[in-house]
N, C-alpha and C. Protein backbone atom coordinates (compact mmCIF):
# COMPACT_ATOMS: atom_id res chain seq x y z
N LEU A 1 -58.06 -0.65 21.74
CA LEU A 1 -56.92 -0.48 20.84
C LEU A 1 -56.58 -0.46 19.28
N LYS A 2 -57.89 -1.54 19.10
CA LYS A 2 -58.14 -1.90 17.66
C LYS A 2 -58.32 -0.67 16.72
N VAL A 3 -59.01 0.64 17.21
CA VAL A 3 -59.18 1.39 16.16
C VAL A 3 -57.74 2.28 15.92
N PHE A 4 -56.64 1.94 16.43
CA PHE A 4 -55.47 2.63 16.29
C PHE A 4 -54.51 1.73 15.55
N LYS A 5 -55.10 0.46 15.10
CA LYS A 5 -54.03 -0.41 14.26
C LYS A 5 -53.98 0.51 12.57
N ASN A 6 -52.81 0.18 12.02
CA ASN A 6 -52.72 1.06 10.94
C ASN A 6 -51.96 -0.09 10.16
N GLY A 7 -51.89 0.34 8.42
CA GLY A 7 -51.65 -0.58 7.70
C GLY A 7 -50.80 0.57 6.89
N PHE A 8 -49.75 0.01 5.71
CA PHE A 8 -48.77 0.71 5.07
C PHE A 8 -48.38 -0.08 3.90
N LEU A 9 -48.90 0.81 2.52
CA LEU A 9 -48.46 -0.02 1.17
C LEU A 9 -47.15 0.86 0.82
N ASN A 10 -46.28 0.01 0.06
CA ASN A 10 -45.58 1.23 -1.06
C ASN A 10 -45.76 0.18 -2.15
N LEU A 11 -46.01 0.70 -3.20
CA LEU A 11 -46.25 0.26 -4.25
C LEU A 11 -44.87 0.07 -5.01
N ALA A 12 -44.14 1.01 -4.75
CA ALA A 12 -42.56 0.98 -5.41
C ALA A 12 -42.01 -0.02 -4.74
N LEU A 13 -42.18 -0.53 -3.89
CA LEU A 13 -41.23 -1.94 -3.16
C LEU A 13 -42.29 -2.97 -2.87
N PRO A 14 -42.18 -3.92 -3.17
CA PRO A 14 -43.14 -5.04 -3.11
C PRO A 14 -43.11 -5.00 -1.19
N PHE A 15 -43.60 -4.00 -0.47
CA PHE A 15 -44.00 -4.10 1.03
C PHE A 15 -45.09 -3.54 1.44
N PHE A 16 -45.61 -4.53 2.24
CA PHE A 16 -46.93 -4.15 3.05
C PHE A 16 -46.48 -4.39 4.60
N GLY A 17 -47.17 -3.50 5.25
CA GLY A 17 -46.62 -3.25 6.55
C GLY A 17 -47.72 -3.00 7.47
N PHE A 18 -48.18 -3.60 8.68
CA PHE A 18 -49.35 -3.53 9.55
C PHE A 18 -48.82 -3.74 10.62
N SER A 19 -49.60 -2.26 11.77
CA SER A 19 -48.87 -2.38 13.28
C SER A 19 -50.13 -1.95 14.07
N GLU A 20 -49.71 -2.70 15.20
CA GLU A 20 -50.96 -2.58 16.20
C GLU A 20 -50.26 -2.13 17.16
N PRO A 21 -51.11 -1.18 18.12
CA PRO A 21 -49.90 -0.56 19.28
C PRO A 21 -50.45 -1.66 20.53
N ILE A 22 -49.28 -1.60 21.20
CA ILE A 22 -49.75 -2.29 22.76
C ILE A 22 -50.19 -1.31 23.30
N ALA A 23 -50.91 -2.13 24.77
CA ALA A 23 -51.16 -1.37 25.75
C ALA A 23 -50.07 -1.13 26.89
N ALA A 24 -50.10 0.07 27.46
CA ALA A 24 -49.15 0.54 28.23
C ALA A 24 -49.09 -0.36 29.25
N PRO A 25 -47.46 -0.50 29.53
CA PRO A 25 -47.64 -1.61 30.91
C PRO A 25 -47.95 -1.01 32.02
N LYS A 26 -48.42 -2.09 32.76
CA LYS A 26 -49.19 -1.62 34.24
C LYS A 26 -48.25 -1.94 35.28
N LYS A 27 -48.26 -1.17 36.26
CA LYS A 27 -47.33 -1.12 37.54
C LYS A 27 -48.33 -1.29 38.42
N LYS A 28 -47.97 -2.29 39.48
CA LYS A 28 -48.49 -2.61 40.62
C LYS A 28 -48.74 -1.70 41.73
N VAL A 29 -49.58 -0.98 42.17
CA VAL A 29 -49.35 0.07 42.99
C VAL A 29 -49.23 -0.34 44.81
N GLY A 30 -48.37 0.47 45.38
CA GLY A 30 -48.62 0.16 46.88
C GLY A 30 -49.34 1.27 47.36
N PHE A 31 -50.37 1.48 47.06
CA PHE A 31 -51.23 2.48 47.50
C PHE A 31 -53.04 1.96 47.23
N LYS A 32 -53.69 2.23 47.85
CA LYS A 32 -55.16 2.21 47.66
C LYS A 32 -55.93 2.97 46.50
N CYS A 33 -56.08 1.90 45.82
CA CYS A 33 -56.37 2.60 44.23
C CYS A 33 -57.71 1.37 43.50
N ALA A 34 -58.38 2.35 42.88
CA ALA A 34 -59.50 1.12 42.29
C ALA A 34 -59.13 -0.08 41.48
N ASP A 35 -58.31 -0.43 40.58
CA ASP A 35 -58.25 -1.74 40.53
C ASP A 35 -56.73 -2.14 41.02
N GLY A 36 -56.07 -1.60 41.47
CA GLY A 36 -54.59 -2.07 41.93
C GLY A 36 -53.05 -1.60 40.90
N TYR A 37 -53.79 -1.25 40.04
CA TYR A 37 -52.56 -0.91 39.01
C TYR A 37 -52.46 0.37 38.54
N PHE A 38 -51.67 1.07 37.66
CA PHE A 38 -51.34 2.11 36.93
C PHE A 38 -50.25 1.99 35.85
N THR A 39 -50.72 3.17 35.02
CA THR A 39 -49.70 3.15 33.69
C THR A 39 -49.08 4.59 33.61
N LEU A 40 -48.23 4.65 32.66
CA LEU A 40 -47.81 5.87 32.35
C LEU A 40 -48.81 7.08 31.82
N TRP A 41 -49.67 6.60 31.62
CA TRP A 41 -50.80 7.50 31.45
C TRP A 41 -51.57 8.12 32.14
N ASP A 42 -51.44 7.41 33.48
CA ASP A 42 -52.73 7.70 34.73
C ASP A 42 -51.71 8.92 35.18
N ARG A 43 -52.69 9.30 35.81
CA ARG A 43 -52.20 10.69 36.61
C ARG A 43 -52.75 11.11 37.71
N PHE A 44 -52.94 11.90 38.95
CA PHE A 44 -53.79 12.74 39.56
C PHE A 44 -53.86 14.15 38.97
N GLU A 45 -55.15 14.91 38.94
CA GLU A 45 -55.02 15.78 38.60
C GLU A 45 -56.01 17.00 39.62
N ILE A 46 -55.33 18.20 40.32
CA ILE A 46 -55.80 18.57 41.41
C ILE A 46 -55.96 20.23 40.80
N GLN A 47 -57.11 20.69 41.32
CA GLN A 47 -57.64 22.22 40.83
C GLN A 47 -57.02 23.00 42.17
N GLY A 48 -56.13 23.96 41.83
CA GLY A 48 -55.41 25.13 42.69
C GLY A 48 -56.63 26.32 42.58
N PRO A 49 -56.04 27.14 43.16
CA PRO A 49 -54.82 27.09 44.08
C PRO A 49 -55.07 26.50 45.46
N LYS A 50 -53.76 25.96 45.98
CA LYS A 50 -53.85 25.31 47.09
C LYS A 50 -52.67 25.34 48.01
N LYS A 51 -52.61 25.65 49.53
CA LYS A 51 -51.64 25.48 49.95
C LYS A 51 -50.62 24.32 49.90
N MET A 52 -49.40 24.25 49.97
CA MET A 52 -48.77 23.05 50.61
C MET A 52 -49.30 21.82 51.47
N LYS A 53 -49.55 22.47 52.56
CA LYS A 53 -50.41 21.64 53.21
C LYS A 53 -51.67 20.65 53.10
N GLU A 54 -52.33 21.40 52.22
CA GLU A 54 -53.61 21.01 51.53
C GLU A 54 -53.26 20.23 50.33
N LEU A 55 -52.39 20.41 49.67
CA LEU A 55 -51.78 19.39 48.70
C LEU A 55 -51.67 18.00 49.03
N ILE A 56 -50.51 18.09 50.54
CA ILE A 56 -50.23 16.76 51.01
C ILE A 56 -51.31 16.32 51.69
N GLN A 57 -52.46 16.74 52.53
CA GLN A 57 -53.42 15.93 52.93
C GLN A 57 -54.03 15.26 51.98
N TRP A 58 -54.27 16.10 50.72
CA TRP A 58 -55.09 15.35 49.78
C TRP A 58 -54.32 14.08 49.50
N ILE A 59 -53.09 14.49 48.83
CA ILE A 59 -52.53 12.71 48.60
C ILE A 59 -52.64 11.59 49.89
N LYS A 60 -52.22 12.28 50.84
CA LYS A 60 -52.58 11.51 52.04
C LYS A 60 -53.85 10.63 52.19
N GLU A 61 -54.87 12.02 52.06
CA GLU A 61 -56.28 10.75 51.59
C GLU A 61 -56.53 9.98 50.79
N GLU A 62 -56.10 10.57 49.57
CA GLU A 62 -56.31 9.83 48.23
C GLU A 62 -55.13 8.68 48.18
N THR A 63 -54.45 8.45 48.81
CA THR A 63 -53.69 7.29 48.36
C THR A 63 -53.13 6.28 49.62
N GLY A 64 -53.36 7.16 51.00
CA GLY A 64 -52.90 6.72 52.46
C GLY A 64 -51.30 6.69 52.40
N LEU A 65 -50.69 7.43 51.63
CA LEU A 65 -49.08 7.70 51.90
C LEU A 65 -48.61 8.64 52.20
N ASP A 66 -47.62 8.81 53.00
CA ASP A 66 -46.92 10.14 53.66
C ASP A 66 -46.01 10.70 52.36
N VAL A 67 -46.32 11.61 52.35
CA VAL A 67 -45.17 12.59 51.38
C VAL A 67 -43.93 12.68 51.82
N THR A 68 -42.68 12.27 51.38
CA THR A 68 -41.27 12.52 51.81
C THR A 68 -40.60 13.62 50.64
N MET A 69 -40.86 13.54 49.60
CA MET A 69 -40.54 14.68 48.46
C MET A 69 -41.40 14.96 47.79
N MET A 70 -41.06 16.25 47.26
CA MET A 70 -42.11 16.77 46.00
C MET A 70 -40.95 17.59 45.16
N SER A 71 -41.15 17.41 43.78
CA SER A 71 -40.54 18.28 42.97
C SER A 71 -41.35 18.80 41.98
N CYS A 72 -40.60 19.73 41.32
CA CYS A 72 -41.17 20.54 40.25
C CYS A 72 -40.58 20.64 38.80
N GLY A 73 -40.26 19.79 37.77
CA GLY A 73 -39.23 19.75 37.25
C GLY A 73 -37.76 19.09 37.66
N VAL A 74 -36.90 20.11 37.84
CA VAL A 74 -35.72 19.72 38.30
C VAL A 74 -35.37 20.36 39.66
N SER A 75 -36.58 20.96 39.82
CA SER A 75 -36.49 21.89 41.78
C SER A 75 -37.35 20.92 42.59
N LEU A 76 -36.54 20.94 43.73
CA LEU A 76 -37.05 20.07 44.77
C LEU A 76 -37.87 21.31 45.80
N ILE A 77 -39.04 20.88 46.02
CA ILE A 77 -39.87 22.08 46.44
C ILE A 77 -40.45 21.70 47.85
N TYR A 78 -40.14 20.30 47.99
CA TYR A 78 -40.31 19.99 49.59
C TYR A 78 -40.21 18.54 49.90
N SER A 79 -39.24 18.59 51.06
CA SER A 79 -38.63 17.37 51.65
C SER A 79 -38.42 17.20 52.99
N PHE A 80 -38.38 15.93 53.43
CA PHE A 80 -38.27 15.60 54.59
C PHE A 80 -37.13 16.20 55.26
N PHE A 81 -35.94 16.45 54.84
CA PHE A 81 -34.44 16.92 54.91
C PHE A 81 -34.44 18.42 55.45
N LEU A 82 -35.66 19.05 54.68
CA LEU A 82 -35.47 20.54 54.87
C LEU A 82 -35.30 20.89 56.47
N SER A 83 -34.86 22.41 56.53
CA SER A 83 -35.16 22.70 58.15
C SER A 83 -36.29 22.66 58.39
N SER A 84 -36.53 22.76 59.76
CA SER A 84 -37.91 22.45 60.30
C SER A 84 -38.80 23.82 60.05
N ASP A 85 -37.98 24.80 60.21
CA ASP A 85 -38.55 26.30 59.95
C ASP A 85 -38.76 26.32 58.42
N LYS A 86 -38.08 26.04 57.72
CA LYS A 86 -38.20 25.94 56.12
C LYS A 86 -39.53 25.31 55.63
N ARG A 87 -39.62 24.01 56.25
CA ARG A 87 -40.51 23.16 56.07
C ARG A 87 -41.94 23.51 56.51
N MET A 88 -42.20 24.14 57.80
CA MET A 88 -43.40 25.02 58.10
C MET A 88 -43.88 25.69 57.16
N GLU A 89 -42.89 26.86 57.04
CA GLU A 89 -43.01 27.99 56.21
C GLU A 89 -43.88 27.69 54.64
N ARG A 90 -42.96 26.31 54.03
CA ARG A 90 -43.57 26.04 52.89
C ARG A 90 -44.85 25.33 53.17
N LEU A 91 -45.09 24.82 54.25
CA LEU A 91 -46.43 23.89 54.04
C LEU A 91 -47.42 25.28 53.95
N GLU A 92 -47.29 26.49 54.52
CA GLU A 92 -48.32 27.28 54.61
C GLU A 92 -48.40 28.26 53.43
N GLN A 93 -47.35 28.09 52.91
CA GLN A 93 -47.38 28.81 51.34
C GLN A 93 -48.06 28.16 50.49
N ASP A 94 -48.46 28.88 49.26
CA ASP A 94 -49.57 28.69 47.89
C ASP A 94 -48.47 27.77 47.20
N MET A 95 -49.06 26.95 46.27
CA MET A 95 -48.05 25.96 45.75
C MET A 95 -47.44 27.01 44.67
N LYS A 96 -48.08 27.68 44.19
CA LYS A 96 -47.56 28.49 42.93
C LYS A 96 -46.71 29.39 43.30
N ASP A 97 -46.89 29.94 44.66
CA ASP A 97 -45.77 30.54 44.95
C ASP A 97 -44.18 29.75 45.37
N ILE A 98 -44.54 28.88 46.00
CA ILE A 98 -43.31 28.07 46.39
C ILE A 98 -42.51 27.57 44.84
N VAL A 99 -43.38 27.31 44.00
CA VAL A 99 -42.45 27.08 42.62
C VAL A 99 -42.07 28.17 42.33
N GLU A 100 -42.48 29.18 42.42
CA GLU A 100 -41.98 30.68 41.77
C GLU A 100 -40.59 30.96 42.86
N GLU A 101 -40.88 30.76 43.98
CA GLU A 101 -39.36 30.95 44.98
C GLU A 101 -38.66 29.95 44.61
N VAL A 102 -38.53 28.83 44.32
CA VAL A 102 -37.69 27.66 44.51
C VAL A 102 -37.20 28.21 42.97
N THR A 103 -37.73 27.90 42.05
CA THR A 103 -37.14 28.13 40.30
C THR A 103 -36.81 29.67 40.00
N ARG A 104 -37.08 30.39 40.89
CA ARG A 104 -36.37 31.83 41.11
C ARG A 104 -36.97 32.17 39.29
N LYS A 105 -38.15 31.95 39.04
CA LYS A 105 -38.61 32.21 37.78
C LYS A 105 -40.57 32.66 38.16
N LYS A 106 -41.02 33.63 37.42
CA LYS A 106 -42.17 33.68 37.53
C LYS A 106 -42.95 32.93 36.39
N ILE A 107 -43.91 32.27 36.68
CA ILE A 107 -44.96 31.50 36.17
C ILE A 107 -45.80 32.25 35.19
N PRO A 108 -45.45 32.12 33.99
CA PRO A 108 -46.38 32.91 33.01
C PRO A 108 -47.56 32.77 33.03
N ASP A 109 -48.74 33.92 32.54
CA ASP A 109 -49.91 33.33 32.60
C ASP A 109 -50.54 32.53 31.62
N TYR A 110 -49.62 32.25 30.64
CA TYR A 110 -50.25 31.50 29.84
C TYR A 110 -50.33 29.93 30.13
N VAL A 111 -49.32 29.73 31.50
CA VAL A 111 -48.93 28.34 32.03
C VAL A 111 -50.47 28.14 32.72
N GLN A 112 -51.28 26.99 32.50
CA GLN A 112 -52.32 26.52 33.32
C GLN A 112 -52.26 25.65 34.30
N SER A 113 -51.28 24.65 34.30
CA SER A 113 -50.62 23.91 35.15
C SER A 113 -49.26 23.84 35.04
N ILE A 114 -48.83 22.68 36.28
CA ILE A 114 -47.59 22.38 36.61
C ILE A 114 -47.64 20.92 36.86
N VAL A 115 -46.46 20.18 36.61
CA VAL A 115 -46.03 18.90 36.64
C VAL A 115 -45.76 18.50 37.90
N LEU A 116 -46.44 17.89 39.13
CA LEU A 116 -45.23 17.62 40.27
C LEU A 116 -44.95 16.14 40.27
N GLU A 117 -43.70 15.66 40.78
CA GLU A 117 -43.69 14.53 41.16
C GLU A 117 -43.29 14.28 42.49
N VAL A 118 -43.92 13.13 43.14
CA VAL A 118 -43.89 13.10 44.30
C VAL A 118 -43.19 11.57 44.81
N ILE A 119 -42.32 11.36 46.09
CA ILE A 119 -42.09 10.61 46.53
C ILE A 119 -42.36 10.35 47.50
N ALA A 120 -43.20 8.99 47.82
CA ALA A 120 -44.30 8.93 49.06
C ALA A 120 -43.49 7.43 49.73
N ASN A 121 -43.68 7.55 51.28
CA ASN A 121 -43.86 6.32 51.94
C ASN A 121 -44.87 5.53 52.62
N ASN A 122 -45.10 4.50 52.31
CA ASN A 122 -46.32 3.74 53.09
C ASN A 122 -45.93 3.41 54.54
N LYS A 123 -47.19 2.73 55.14
CA LYS A 123 -46.67 2.53 56.66
C LYS A 123 -45.58 1.93 57.29
N ASP A 124 -44.94 0.99 56.01
CA ASP A 124 -43.51 0.02 56.42
C ASP A 124 -42.62 0.76 56.26
N ASP A 125 -42.91 2.64 55.68
CA ASP A 125 -41.79 3.26 55.71
C ASP A 125 -40.77 2.96 54.12
N GLU A 126 -41.57 2.03 53.23
CA GLU A 126 -41.08 1.77 51.80
C GLU A 126 -41.29 2.45 51.18
N ASP A 127 -40.52 3.44 49.71
CA ASP A 127 -41.07 4.40 48.82
C ASP A 127 -41.84 3.56 47.80
N VAL A 128 -42.79 3.99 47.43
CA VAL A 128 -43.65 3.74 46.79
C VAL A 128 -44.06 4.66 45.50
N GLU A 129 -44.13 4.16 44.39
CA GLU A 129 -44.40 5.25 43.34
C GLU A 129 -45.52 5.25 42.99
N ILE A 130 -45.95 6.30 42.66
CA ILE A 130 -47.30 7.18 42.26
C ILE A 130 -47.20 7.74 41.12
N PRO A 131 -48.29 7.83 40.39
CA PRO A 131 -48.39 8.71 39.13
C PRO A 131 -48.62 10.35 39.46
N TYR A 132 -47.19 11.07 38.30
CA TYR A 132 -47.48 12.37 38.67
C TYR A 132 -48.61 13.22 38.63
N ILE A 133 -48.57 14.28 39.33
CA ILE A 133 -49.61 15.29 39.91
C ILE A 133 -49.76 16.41 38.71
N LYS A 134 -50.62 16.33 38.03
CA LYS A 134 -51.07 17.59 37.00
C LYS A 134 -51.88 18.77 38.19
N PHE A 135 -50.95 19.98 38.23
CA PHE A 135 -51.68 20.51 39.21
C PHE A 135 -52.32 22.14 38.70
N ASN A 136 -53.36 21.87 38.28
CA ASN A 136 -54.28 23.12 37.74
C ASN A 136 -54.18 24.78 38.14
N LEU A 137 -53.30 25.26 37.54
CA LEU A 137 -52.99 26.86 38.57
C LEU A 137 -54.79 27.56 38.53
N ARG A 138 -55.15 27.57 37.58
CA ARG A 138 -56.57 27.93 37.43
C ARG A 138 -57.75 27.50 37.06
């Protein structure tokens, strides 16, 4: 962070200003992780195309958590309280198709990735905060 120090001098006023950024706050994780902490700058990055069940399985393997809900923007694309038929249908669909179906908008060709927010539970059935997922479409 030392390379991002900044100094400001205003000759019209007798003012010298110096600033130094602080490190992003670290949050203790409730899942398996290398150092046990993550910041708001951390994320999981996944290369698509993938089906919903492949993504959920990847999250389970990576964190040891069970996915209960998943959203893309303001649209809820997966949830434990969906009807079992709808949930099973979504598990077999491609992530891009699910997002387009739920949002009722086609994802433009210039969009390279989407951001997914996940709510997951640990083995004690407690909600655990995890970093967002950057899902690369291409």
